[in-house]
Amino acid sequence: MPEDLPISITVGAHERWTVMRVVGDLDMATAPLLEKSAGEIDGSLAIEVSGVRFIDSSGLRALFYINETTDQVVLVSPSAFVKRILDLTAMTQVFAVAEDIEALTDPA
């Protein structure tokens, strides 16, 4: 990932979940990186977004695409900014959300 982009994406694990931690800005410049990273993951995906400080329509579209093309996706610990965007766009009805990583249940 280019160092000059305002985003960091790291991948780890928690029980049976693959956990992708996203920190920084999720916008038209960085959304393709998120999609690419998620596309390399098989199985259930938890996207930890507490460190997302900005998200535009491109970032929201990337999350929606990942949600539609992955077996099971949960947004974990959404930042206040992410919560506001999800609320304003009624996407809270689309995404599963967990308050923290410990709240994840075993994937189906």
PDB file of N, CA and C in Angstrom:
ATOM      1  N   MET A   1       0.847  -1.165   0.000  1.00  0.00           N
ATOM      2  CA  MET A   1       0.000   0.000   0.000  1.00  0.00           C
ATOM      3  C   MET A   1       0.895   1.231   0.000  1.00  0.00           C
ATOM      4  N   PRO A   2       0.630   2.211  -0.864  1.00  0.00           N
ATOM      5  CA  PRO A   2       1.460   3.408  -0.906  1.00  0.00           C
ATOM      6  C   PRO A   2       1.462   4.131   0.433  1.00  0.00           C
ATOM      7  N   GLU A   3       2.636   4.598   0.840  1.00  0.00           N
ATOM      8  CA  GLU A   3       2.763   5.234   2.145  1.00  0.00           C
ATOM      9  C   GLU A   3       2.132   6.613   2.207  1.00  0.00           C
ATOM     10  N   ASP A   4       1.887   7.266   1.077  1.00  0.00           N
ATOM     11  CA  ASP A   4       1.361   8.615   1.102  1.00  0.00           C
ATOM     12  C   ASP A   4      -0.161   8.664   1.229  1.00  0.00           C
ATOM     13  N   LEU A   5      -0.824   7.515   1.236  1.00  0.00           N
ATOM     14  CA  LEU A   5      -2.274   7.497   1.402  1.00  0.00           C
ATOM     15  C   LEU A   5      -2.627   7.569   2.884  1.00  0.00           C
ATOM     16  N   PRO A   6      -3.706   8.298   3.220  1.00  0.00           N
ATOM     17  CA  PRO A   6      -4.078   8.494   4.624  1.00  0.00           C
ATOM     18  C   PRO A   6      -4.890   7.337   5.200  1.00  0.00           C
ATOM     19  N   ILE A   7      -4.404   6.102   5.004  1.00  0.00           N
ATOM     20  CA  ILE A   7      -5.127   4.947   5.525  1.00  0.00           C
ATOM     21  C   ILE A   7      -4.147   3.846   5.889  1.00  0.00           C
ATOM     22  N   SER A   8      -4.537   3.082   6.889  1.00  0.00           N
ATOM     23  CA  SER A   8      -3.783   1.892   7.272  1.00  0.00           C
ATOM     24  C   SER A   8      -4.777   0.750   7.376  1.00  0.00           C
ATOM     25  N   ILE A   9      -4.460  -0.360   6.730  1.00  0.00           N
ATOM     26  CA  ILE A   9      -5.312  -1.548   6.788  1.00  0.00           C
ATOM     27  C   ILE A   9      -4.442  -2.709   7.251  1.00  0.00           C
ATOM     28  N   THR A  10      -4.798  -3.285   8.392  1.00  0.00           N
ATOM     29  CA  THR A  10      -4.069  -4.448   8.895  1.00  0.00           C
ATOM     30  C   THR A  10      -5.050  -5.594   9.078  1.00  0.00           C
ATOM     31  N   VAL A  11      -4.541  -6.800   8.960  1.00  0.00           N
ATOM     32  CA  VAL A  11      -5.391  -7.989   9.055  1.00  0.00           C
ATOM     33  C   VAL A  11      -4.876  -8.882  10.170  1.00  0.00           C
ATOM     34  N   GLY A  12      -5.793  -9.343  10.989  1.00  0.00           N
ATOM     35  CA  GLY A  12      -5.480 -10.258  12.074  1.00  0.00           C
ATOM     36  C   GLY A  12      -6.604 -11.259  12.231  1.00  0.00           C
ATOM     37  N   ALA A  13      -6.674 -11.861  13.397  1.00  0.00           N
ATOM     38  CA  ALA A  13      -7.716 -12.862  13.639  1.00  0.00           C
ATOM     39  C   ALA A  13      -8.233 -12.738  15.062  1.00  0.00           C
ATOM     40  N   HIS A  14      -9.488 -13.118  15.220  1.00  0.00           N
ATOM     41  CA  HIS A  14     -10.119 -13.230  16.537  1.00  0.00           C
ATOM     42  C   HIS A  14     -11.058 -14.424  16.460  1.00  0.00           C
ATOM     43  N   GLU A  15     -10.710 -15.471  17.181  1.00  0.00           N
ATOM     44  CA  GLU A  15     -11.451 -16.724  17.118  1.00  0.00           C
ATOM     45  C   GLU A  15     -11.595 -17.143  15.652  1.00  0.00           C
ATOM     46  N   ARG A  16     -12.822 -17.311  15.154  1.00  0.00           N
ATOM     47  CA  ARG A  16     -12.994 -17.764  13.769  1.00  0.00           C
ATOM     48  C   ARG A  16     -13.143 -16.611  12.776  1.00  0.00           C
ATOM     49  N   TRP A  17     -12.947 -15.412  13.220  1.00  0.00           N
ATOM     50  CA  TRP A  17     -13.108 -14.234  12.377  1.00  0.00           C
ATOM     51  C   TRP A  17     -11.761 -13.752  11.831  1.00  0.00           C
ATOM     52  N   THR A  18     -11.765 -13.277  10.616  1.00  0.00           N
ATOM     53  CA  THR A  18     -10.656 -12.486  10.117  1.00  0.00           C
ATOM     54  C   THR A  18     -11.011 -11.047  10.450  1.00  0.00           C
ATOM     55  N   VAL A  19     -10.093 -10.343  11.096  1.00  0.00           N
ATOM     56  CA  VAL A  19     -10.353  -8.979  11.529  1.00  0.00           C
ATOM     57  C   VAL A  19      -9.487  -8.034  10.700  1.00  0.00           C
ATOM     58  N   MET A  20     -10.140  -7.111  10.025  1.00  0.00           N
ATOM     59  CA  MET A  20      -9.449  -6.097   9.246  1.00  0.00           C
ATOM     60  C   MET A  20      -9.611  -4.774   9.989  1.00  0.00           C
ATOM     61  N   ARG A  21      -8.481  -4.198  10.412  1.00  0.00           N
ATOM     62  CA  ARG A  21      -8.524  -2.913  11.127  1.00  0.00           C
ATOM     63  C   ARG A  21      -8.211  -1.799  10.139  1.00  0.00           C
ATOM     64  N   VAL A  22      -9.123  -0.835  10.081  1.00  0.00           N
ATOM     65  CA  VAL A  22      -8.991   0.286   9.155  1.00  0.00           C
ATOM     66  C   VAL A  22      -8.826   1.557   9.975  1.00  0.00           C
ATOM     67  N   VAL A  23      -7.740   2.294   9.691  1.00  0.00           N
ATOM     68  CA  VAL A  23      -7.458   3.535  10.398  1.00  0.00           C
ATOM     69  C   VAL A  23      -7.174   4.612   9.361  1.00  0.00           C
ATOM     70  N   GLY A  24      -7.846   5.754   9.506  1.00  0.00           N
ATOM     71  CA  GLY A  24      -7.592   6.877   8.607  1.00  0.00           C
ATOM     72  C   GLY A  24      -8.818   7.265   7.823  1.00  0.00           C
ATOM     73  N   ASP A  25      -8.589   7.751   6.612  1.00  0.00           N
ATOM     74  CA  ASP A  25      -9.658   8.245   5.746  1.00  0.00           C
ATOM     75  C   ASP A  25     -10.071   7.180   4.748  1.00  0.00           C
ATOM     76  N   LEU A  26     -11.361   6.959   4.654  1.00  0.00           N
ATOM     77  CA  LEU A  26     -11.912   5.992   3.696  1.00  0.00           C
ATOM     78  C   LEU A  26     -12.676   6.796   2.644  1.00  0.00           C
ATOM     79  N   ASP A  27     -11.979   7.057   1.534  1.00  0.00           N
ATOM     80  CA  ASP A  27     -12.538   7.927   0.500  1.00  0.00           C
ATOM     81  C   ASP A  27     -12.226   7.356  -0.883  1.00  0.00           C
ATOM     82  N   MET A  28     -12.438   8.159  -1.922  1.00  0.00           N
ATOM     83  CA  MET A  28     -12.270   7.646  -3.283  1.00  0.00           C
ATOM     84  C   MET A  28     -10.836   7.211  -3.579  1.00  0.00           C
ATOM     85  N   ALA A  29      -9.870   7.740  -2.864  1.00  0.00           N
ATOM     86  CA  ALA A  29      -8.481   7.335  -3.076  1.00  0.00           C
ATOM     87  C   ALA A  29      -8.144   6.035  -2.367  1.00  0.00           C
ATOM     88  N   THR A  30      -8.813   5.766  -1.247  1.00  0.00           N
ATOM     89  CA  THR A  30      -8.449   4.606  -0.426  1.00  0.00           C
ATOM     90  C   THR A  30      -9.448   3.459  -0.477  1.00  0.00           C
ATOM     91  N   ALA A  31     -10.672   3.723  -0.889  1.00  0.00           N
ATOM     92  CA  ALA A  31     -11.704   2.683  -0.939  1.00  0.00           C
ATOM     93  C   ALA A  31     -11.286   1.476  -1.781  1.00  0.00           C
ATOM     94  N   PRO A  32     -10.635   1.678  -2.939  1.00  0.00           N
ATOM     95  CA  PRO A  32     -10.202   0.505  -3.716  1.00  0.00           C
ATOM     96  C   PRO A  32      -9.218  -0.394  -2.951  1.00  0.00           C
ATOM     97  N   LEU A  33      -8.405   0.195  -2.079  1.00  0.00           N
ATOM     98  CA  LEU A  33      -7.480  -0.607  -1.272  1.00  0.00           C
ATOM     99  C   LEU A  33      -8.244  -1.485  -0.282  1.00  0.00           C
ATOM    100  N   LEU A  34      -9.293  -0.924   0.293  1.00  0.00           N
ATOM    101  CA  LEU A  34     -10.118  -1.704   1.215  1.00  0.00           C
ATOM    102  C   LEU A  34     -10.789  -2.855   0.479  1.00  0.00           C
ATOM    103  N   GLU A  35     -11.364  -2.572  -0.686  1.00  0.00           N
ATOM    104  CA  GLU A  35     -12.007  -3.629  -1.474  1.00  0.00           C
ATOM    105  C   GLU A  35     -11.018  -4.718  -1.846  1.00  0.00           C
ATOM    106  N   LYS A  36      -9.821  -4.320  -2.285  1.00  0.00           N
ATOM    107  CA  LYS A  36      -8.796  -5.292  -2.672  1.00  0.00           C
ATOM    108  C   LYS A  36      -8.389  -6.147  -1.474  1.00  0.00           C
ATOM    109  N   SER A  37      -8.155  -5.510  -0.339  1.00  0.00           N
ATOM    110  CA  SER A  37      -7.767  -6.254   0.866  1.00  0.00           C
ATOM    111  C   SER A  37      -8.855  -7.228   1.294  1.00  0.00           C
ATOM    112  N   ALA A  38     -10.100  -6.787   1.259  1.00  0.00           N
ATOM    113  CA  ALA A  38     -11.214  -7.659   1.647  1.00  0.00           C
ATOM    114  C   ALA A  38     -11.387  -8.794   0.663  1.00  0.00           C
ATOM    115  N   GLY A  39     -11.121  -8.546  -0.602  1.00  0.00           N
ATOM    116  CA  GLY A  39     -11.253  -9.575  -1.629  1.00  0.00           C
ATOM    117  C   GLY A  39     -10.280 -10.715  -1.478  1.00  0.00           C
ATOM    118  N   GLU A  40      -9.218 -10.505  -0.720  1.00  0.00           N
ATOM    119  CA  GLU A  40      -8.204 -11.538  -0.494  1.00  0.00           C
ATOM    120  C   GLU A  40      -8.529 -12.412   0.716  1.00  0.00           C
ATOM    121  N   ILE A  41      -9.659 -12.145   1.357  1.00  0.00           N
ATOM    122  CA  ILE A  41     -10.023 -12.852   2.586  1.00  0.00           C
ATOM    123  C   ILE A  41     -11.184 -13.802   2.317  1.00  0.00           C
ATOM    124  N   ASP A  42     -11.027 -15.039   2.767  1.00  0.00           N
ATOM    125  CA  ASP A  42     -12.110 -16.021   2.691  1.00  0.00           C
ATOM    126  C   ASP A  42     -12.765 -16.123   4.061  1.00  0.00           C
ATOM    127  N   GLY A  43     -14.056 -16.373   4.060  1.00  0.00           N
ATOM    128  CA  GLY A  43     -14.753 -16.601   5.320  1.00  0.00           C
ATOM    129  C   GLY A  43     -15.342 -15.342   5.904  1.00  0.00           C
ATOM    130  N   SER A  44     -15.569 -15.376   7.208  1.00  0.00           N
ATOM    131  CA  SER A  44     -16.234 -14.288   7.916  1.00  0.00           C
ATOM    132  C   SER A  44     -15.256 -13.157   8.198  1.00  0.00           C
ATOM    133  N   LEU A  45     -15.726 -11.937   7.977  1.00  0.00           N
ATOM    134  CA  LEU A  45     -14.867 -10.761   8.068  1.00  0.00           C
ATOM    135  C   LEU A  45     -15.452  -9.748   9.042  1.00  0.00           C
ATOM    136  N   ALA A  46     -14.641  -9.352  10.001  1.00  0.00           N
ATOM    137  CA  ALA A  46     -14.990  -8.261  10.910  1.00  0.00           C
ATOM    138  C   ALA A  46     -14.124  -7.070  10.510  1.00  0.00           C
ATOM    139  N   ILE A  47     -14.770  -5.955  10.183  1.00  0.00           N
ATOM    140  CA  ILE A  47     -14.035  -4.752   9.794  1.00  0.00           C
ATOM    141  C   ILE A  47     -14.106  -3.780  10.964  1.00  0.00           C
ATOM    142  N   GLU A  48     -12.976  -3.605  11.635  1.00  0.00           N
ATOM    143  CA  GLU A  48     -12.891  -2.747  12.810  1.00  0.00           C
ATOM    144  C   GLU A  48     -12.652  -1.316  12.318  1.00  0.00           C
ATOM    145  N   VAL A  49     -13.621  -0.425  12.560  1.00  0.00           N
ATOM    146  CA  VAL A  49     -13.592   0.916  11.977  1.00  0.00           C
ATOM    147  C   VAL A  49     -13.578   2.032  13.025  1.00  0.00           C
ATOM    148  N   SER A  50     -13.099   1.747  14.223  1.00  0.00           N
ATOM    149  CA  SER A  50     -13.048   2.792  15.253  1.00  0.00           C
ATOM    150  C   SER A  50     -12.057   3.888  14.889  1.00  0.00           C
ATOM    151  N   GLY A  51     -11.078   3.572  14.067  1.00  0.00           N
ATOM    152  CA  GLY A  51     -10.063   4.549  13.685  1.00  0.00           C
ATOM    153  C   GLY A  51     -10.344   5.273  12.379  1.00  0.00           C
ATOM    154  N   VAL A  52     -11.525   5.057  11.812  1.00  0.00           N
ATOM    155  CA  VAL A  52     -11.886   5.769  10.583  1.00  0.00           C
ATOM    156  C   VAL A  52     -12.349   7.168  10.976  1.00  0.00           C
ATOM    157  N   ARG A  53     -11.588   8.158  10.533  1.00  0.00           N
ATOM    158  CA  ARG A  53     -11.900   9.543  10.915  1.00  0.00           C
ATOM    159  C   ARG A  53     -12.666  10.294   9.838  1.00  0.00           C
ATOM    160  N   PHE A  54     -12.748   9.710   8.621  1.00  0.00           N
ATOM    161  CA  PHE A  54     -13.505  10.317   7.529  1.00  0.00           C
ATOM    162  C   PHE A  54     -13.951   9.212   6.587  1.00  0.00           C
ATOM    163  N   ILE A  55     -15.198   9.306   6.112  1.00  0.00           N
ATOM    164  CA  ILE A  55     -15.696   8.359   5.127  1.00  0.00           C
ATOM    165  C   ILE A  55     -16.622   9.120   4.187  1.00  0.00           C
ATOM    166  N   ASP A  56     -16.402   8.955   2.877  1.00  0.00           N
ATOM    167  CA  ASP A  56     -17.288   9.587   1.909  1.00  0.00           C
ATOM    168  C   ASP A  56     -18.104   8.506   1.204  1.00  0.00           C
ATOM    169  N   SER A  57     -18.822   8.896   0.161  1.00  0.00           N
ATOM    170  CA  SER A  57     -19.691   7.941  -0.535  1.00  0.00           C
ATOM    171  C   SER A  57     -18.896   6.793  -1.153  1.00  0.00           C
ATOM    172  N   SER A  58     -17.662   7.043  -1.561  1.00  0.00           N
ATOM    173  CA  SER A  58     -16.829   5.964  -2.113  1.00  0.00           C
ATOM    174  C   SER A  58     -16.490   4.932  -1.045  1.00  0.00           C
ATOM    175  N   GLY A  59     -16.186   5.403   0.139  1.00  0.00           N
ATOM    176  CA  GLY A  59     -15.905   4.498   1.248  1.00  0.00           C
ATOM    177  C   GLY A  59     -17.129   3.708   1.657  1.00  0.00           C
ATOM    178  N   LEU A  60     -18.271   4.373   1.688  1.00  0.00           N
ATOM    179  CA  LEU A  60     -19.521   3.694   2.020  1.00  0.00           C
ATOM    180  C   LEU A  60     -19.860   2.658   0.956  1.00  0.00           C
ATOM    181  N   ARG A  61     -19.655   3.003  -0.308  1.00  0.00           N
ATOM    182  CA  ARG A  61     -19.907   2.063  -1.393  1.00  0.00           C
ATOM    183  C   ARG A  61     -18.987   0.852  -1.281  1.00  0.00           C
ATOM    184  N   ALA A  62     -17.725   1.070  -0.915  1.00  0.00           N
ATOM    185  CA  ALA A  62     -16.785  -0.047  -0.745  1.00  0.00           C
ATOM    186  C   ALA A  62     -17.255  -0.984   0.361  1.00  0.00           C
ATOM    187  N   LEU A  63     -17.691  -0.423   1.480  1.00  0.00           N
ATOM    188  CA  LEU A  63     -18.212  -1.263   2.565  1.00  0.00           C
ATOM    189  C   LEU A  63     -19.441  -2.037   2.116  1.00  0.00           C
ATOM    190  N   PHE A  64     -20.322  -1.380   1.377  1.00  0.00           N
ATOM    191  CA  PHE A  64     -21.525  -2.033   0.872  1.00  0.00           C
ATOM    192  C   PHE A  64     -21.147  -3.175  -0.073  1.00  0.00           C
ATOM    193  N   TYR A  65     -20.206  -2.930  -0.978  1.00  0.00           N
ATOM    194  CA  TYR A  65     -19.748  -3.959  -1.920  1.00  0.00           C
ATOM    195  C   TYR A  65     -19.168  -5.160  -1.164  1.00  0.00           C
ATOM    196  N   ILE A  66     -18.338  -4.885  -0.179  1.00  0.00           N
ATOM    197  CA  ILE A  66     -17.747  -5.965   0.617  1.00  0.00           C
ATOM    198  C   ILE A  66     -18.850  -6.750   1.328  1.00  0.00           C
ATOM    199  N   ASN A  67     -19.822  -6.045   1.867  1.00  0.00           N
ATOM    200  CA  ASN A  67     -20.945  -6.688   2.553  1.00  0.00           C
ATOM    201  C   ASN A  67     -21.723  -7.604   1.607  1.00  0.00           C
ATOM    202  N   GLU A  68     -21.891  -7.178   0.361  1.00  0.00           N
ATOM    203  CA  GLU A  68     -22.656  -7.949  -0.618  1.00  0.00           C
ATOM    204  C   GLU A  68     -21.874  -9.136  -1.180  1.00  0.00           C
ATOM    205  N   THR A  69     -20.563  -9.087  -1.171  1.00  0.00           N
ATOM    206  CA  THR A  69     -19.761 -10.116  -1.833  1.00  0.00           C
ATOM    207  C   THR A  69     -19.014 -11.033  -0.859  1.00  0.00           C
ATOM    208  N   THR A  70     -19.236 -10.860   0.423  1.00  0.00           N
ATOM    209  CA  THR A  70     -18.565 -11.670   1.443  1.00  0.00           C
ATOM    210  C   THR A  70     -19.629 -12.417   2.230  1.00  0.00           C
ATOM    211  N   ASP A  71     -19.312 -13.661   2.608  1.00  0.00           N
ATOM    212  CA  ASP A  71     -20.295 -14.493   3.313  1.00  0.00           C
ATOM    213  C   ASP A  71     -20.891 -13.809   4.535  1.00  0.00           C
ATOM    214  N   GLN A  72     -20.041 -13.301   5.401  1.00  0.00           N
ATOM    215  CA  GLN A  72     -20.528 -12.654   6.620  1.00  0.00           C
ATOM    216  C   GLN A  72     -19.602 -11.500   6.955  1.00  0.00           C
ATOM    217  N   VAL A  73     -20.185 -10.316   7.129  1.00  0.00           N
ATOM    218  CA  VAL A  73     -19.421  -9.107   7.445  1.00  0.00           C
ATOM    219  C   VAL A  73     -20.063  -8.418   8.638  1.00  0.00           C
ATOM    220  N   VAL A  74     -19.214  -7.989   9.565  1.00  0.00           N
ATOM    221  CA  VAL A  74     -19.659  -7.193  10.702  1.00  0.00           C
ATOM    222  C   VAL A  74     -18.741  -5.986  10.806  1.00  0.00           C
ATOM    223  N   LEU A  75     -19.332  -4.796  10.959  1.00  0.00           N
ATOM    224  CA  LEU A  75     -18.556  -3.594  11.258  1.00  0.00           C
ATOM    225  C   LEU A  75     -18.385  -3.542  12.768  1.00  0.00           C
ATOM    226  N   VAL A  76     -17.148  -3.389  13.220  1.00  0.00           N
ATOM    227  CA  VAL A  76     -16.850  -3.426  14.649  1.00  0.00           C
ATOM    228  C   VAL A  76     -16.400  -2.050  15.122  1.00  0.00           C
ATOM    229  N   SER A  77     -16.932  -1.636  16.252  1.00  0.00           N
ATOM    230  CA  SER A  77     -16.554  -0.392  16.926  1.00  0.00           C
ATOM    231  C   SER A  77     -16.553   0.812  15.992  1.00  0.00           C
ATOM    232  N   PRO A  78     -17.670   1.078  15.317  1.00  0.00           N
ATOM    233  CA  PRO A  78     -17.665   2.217  14.403  1.00  0.00           C
ATOM    234  C   PRO A  78     -17.406   3.537  15.138  1.00  0.00           C
ATOM    235  N   SER A  79     -16.535   4.351  14.541  1.00  0.00           N
ATOM    236  CA  SER A  79     -16.264   5.676  15.100  1.00  0.00           C
ATOM    237  C   SER A  79     -17.539   6.508  15.026  1.00  0.00           C
ATOM    238  N   ALA A  80     -17.564   7.625  15.738  1.00  0.00           N
ATOM    239  CA  ALA A  80     -18.726   8.506  15.720  1.00  0.00           C
ATOM    240  C   ALA A  80     -19.027   8.958  14.293  1.00  0.00           C
ATOM    241  N   PHE A  81     -17.993   9.213  13.510  1.00  0.00           N
ATOM    242  CA  PHE A  81     -18.193   9.655  12.136  1.00  0.00           C
ATOM    243  C   PHE A  81     -18.836   8.549  11.300  1.00  0.00           C
ATOM    244  N   VAL A  82     -18.364   7.323  11.446  1.00  0.00           N
ATOM    245  CA  VAL A  82     -18.932   6.194  10.699  1.00  0.00           C
ATOM    246  C   VAL A  82     -20.376   5.965  11.131  1.00  0.00           C
ATOM    247  N   LYS A  83     -20.647   6.001  12.437  1.00  0.00           N
ATOM    248  CA  LYS A  83     -22.026   5.838  12.926  1.00  0.00           C
ATOM    249  C   LYS A  83     -22.948   6.884  12.317  1.00  0.00           C
ATOM    250  N   ARG A  84     -22.485   8.113  12.261  1.00  0.00           N
ATOM    251  CA  ARG A  84     -23.314   9.200  11.718  1.00  0.00           C
ATOM    252  C   ARG A  84     -23.633   8.958  10.249  1.00  0.00           C
ATOM    253  N   ILE A  85     -22.633   8.559   9.453  1.00  0.00           N
ATOM    254  CA  ILE A  85     -22.856   8.283   8.026  1.00  0.00           C
ATOM    255  C   ILE A  85     -23.823   7.110   7.859  1.00  0.00           C
ATOM    256  N   LEU A  86     -23.652   6.064   8.649  1.00  0.00           N
ATOM    257  CA  LEU A  86     -24.560   4.916   8.565  1.00  0.00           C
ATOM    258  C   LEU A  86     -25.988   5.325   8.915  1.00  0.00           C
ATOM    259  N   ASP A  87     -26.131   6.159   9.937  1.00  0.00           N
ATOM    260  CA  ASP A  87     -27.462   6.634  10.329  1.00  0.00           C
ATOM    261  C   ASP A  87     -28.078   7.523   9.246  1.00  0.00           C
ATOM    262  N   LEU A  88     -27.315   8.471   8.744  1.00  0.00           N
ATOM    263  CA  LEU A  88     -27.830   9.421   7.750  1.00  0.00           C
ATOM    264  C   LEU A  88     -28.259   8.738   6.452  1.00  0.00           C
ATOM    265  N   THR A  89     -27.584   7.651   6.113  1.00  0.00           N
ATOM    266  CA  THR A  89     -27.876   6.960   4.852  1.00  0.00           C
ATOM    267  C   THR A  89     -28.759   5.730   5.053  1.00  0.00           C
ATOM    268  N   ALA A  90     -29.248   5.519   6.262  1.00  0.00           N
ATOM    269  CA  ALA A  90     -30.087   4.370   6.611  1.00  0.00           C
ATOM    270  C   ALA A  90     -29.366   3.037   6.366  1.00  0.00           C
ATOM    271  N   MET A  91     -28.058   3.051   6.358  1.00  0.00           N
ATOM    272  CA  MET A  91     -27.288   1.821   6.154  1.00  0.00           C
ATOM    273  C   MET A  91     -27.173   0.990   7.438  1.00  0.00           C
ATOM    274  N   THR A  92     -27.682   1.515   8.533  1.00  0.00           N
ATOM    275  CA  THR A  92     -27.702   0.724   9.767  1.00  0.00           C
ATOM    276  C   THR A  92     -28.603  -0.491   9.603  1.00  0.00           C
ATOM    277  N   GLN A  93     -29.496  -0.445   8.617  1.00  0.00           N
ATOM    278  CA  GLN A  93     -30.366  -1.578   8.337  1.00  0.00           C
ATOM    279  C   GLN A  93     -29.683  -2.607   7.444  1.00  0.00           C
ATOM    280  N   VAL A  94     -28.562  -2.237   6.847  1.00  0.00           N
ATOM    281  CA  VAL A  94     -27.851  -3.110   5.914  1.00  0.00           C
ATOM    282  C   VAL A  94     -26.713  -3.853   6.603  1.00  0.00           C
ATOM    283  N   PHE A  95     -25.968  -3.147   7.446  1.00  0.00           N
ATOM    284  CA  PHE A  95     -24.771  -3.708   8.061  1.00  0.00           C
ATOM    285  C   PHE A  95     -25.045  -4.288   9.436  1.00  0.00           C
ATOM    286  N   ALA A  96     -24.406  -5.411   9.732  1.00  0.00           N
ATOM    287  CA  ALA A  96     -24.355  -5.910  11.098  1.00  0.00           C
ATOM    288  C   ALA A  96     -23.262  -5.112  11.805  1.00  0.00           C
ATOM    289  N   VAL A  97     -23.532  -4.703  13.049  1.00  0.00           N
ATOM    290  CA  VAL A  97     -22.588  -3.882  13.795  1.00  0.00           C
ATOM    291  C   VAL A  97     -22.369  -4.505  15.165  1.00  0.00           C
ATOM    292  N   ALA A  98     -21.110  -4.559  15.585  1.00  0.00           N
ATOM    293  CA  ALA A  98     -20.760  -5.012  16.939  1.00  0.00           C
ATOM    294  C   ALA A  98     -20.034  -3.880  17.637  1.00  0.00           C
ATOM    295  N   GLU A  99     -20.348  -3.669  18.894  1.00  0.00           N
ATOM    296  CA  GLU A  99     -19.734  -2.564  19.640  1.00  0.00           C
ATOM    297  C   GLU A  99     -18.245  -2.777  19.878  1.00  0.00           C
ATOM    298  N   ASP A 100     -17.833  -4.028  20.010  1.00  0.00           N
ATOM    299  CA  ASP A 100     -16.403  -4.308  20.175  1.00  0.00           C
ATOM    300  C   ASP A 100     -16.111  -5.717  19.695  1.00  0.00           C
ATOM    301  N   ILE A 101     -14.848  -6.041  19.629  1.00  0.00           N
ATOM    302  CA  ILE A 101     -14.415  -7.332  19.076  1.00  0.00           C
ATOM    303  C   ILE A 101     -14.913  -8.490  19.928  1.00  0.00           C
ATOM    304  N   GLU A 102     -15.042  -8.269  21.231  1.00  0.00           N
ATOM    305  CA  GLU A 102     -15.503  -9.327  22.125  1.00  0.00           C
ATOM    306  C   GLU A 102     -16.987  -9.647  21.921  1.00  0.00           C
ATOM    307  N   ALA A 103     -17.730  -8.737  21.291  1.00  0.00           N
ATOM    308  CA  ALA A 103     -19.158  -8.939  21.060  1.00  0.00           C
ATOM    309  C   ALA A 103     -19.441  -9.798  19.839  1.00  0.00           C
ATOM    310  N   LEU A 104     -18.413 -10.146  19.074  1.00  0.00           N
ATOM    311  CA  LEU A 104     -18.618 -10.991  17.908  1.00  0.00           C
ATOM    312  C   LEU A 104     -19.069 -12.375  18.326  1.00  0.00           C
ATOM    313  N   THR A 105     -20.042 -12.894  17.620  1.00  0.00           N
ATOM    314  CA  THR A 105     -20.472 -14.268  17.862  1.00  0.00           C
ATOM    315  C   THR A 105     -19.793 -15.160  16.839  1.00  0.00           C
ATOM    316  N   ASP A 106     -19.780 -16.437  17.083  1.00  0.00           N
ATOM    317  CA  ASP A 106     -19.187 -17.354  16.126  1.00  0.00           C
ATOM    318  C   ASP A 106     -19.883 -17.217  14.782  1.00  0.00           C
ATOM    319  N   PRO A 107     -19.109 -17.164  13.705  1.00  0.00           N
ATOM    320  CA  PRO A 107     -19.730 -17.093  12.372  1.00  0.00           C
ATOM    321  C   PRO A 107     -20.600 -18.302  12.119  1.00  0.00           C
ATOM    322  N   ALA A 108     -21.664 -18.087  11.384  1.00  0.00           N
ATOM    323  CA  ALA A 108     -22.578 -19.186  11.055  1.00  0.00           C
ATOM    324  C   ALA A 108     -21.945 -20.126  10.059  1.00  0.00           C
TER     325      ALA A 108
END
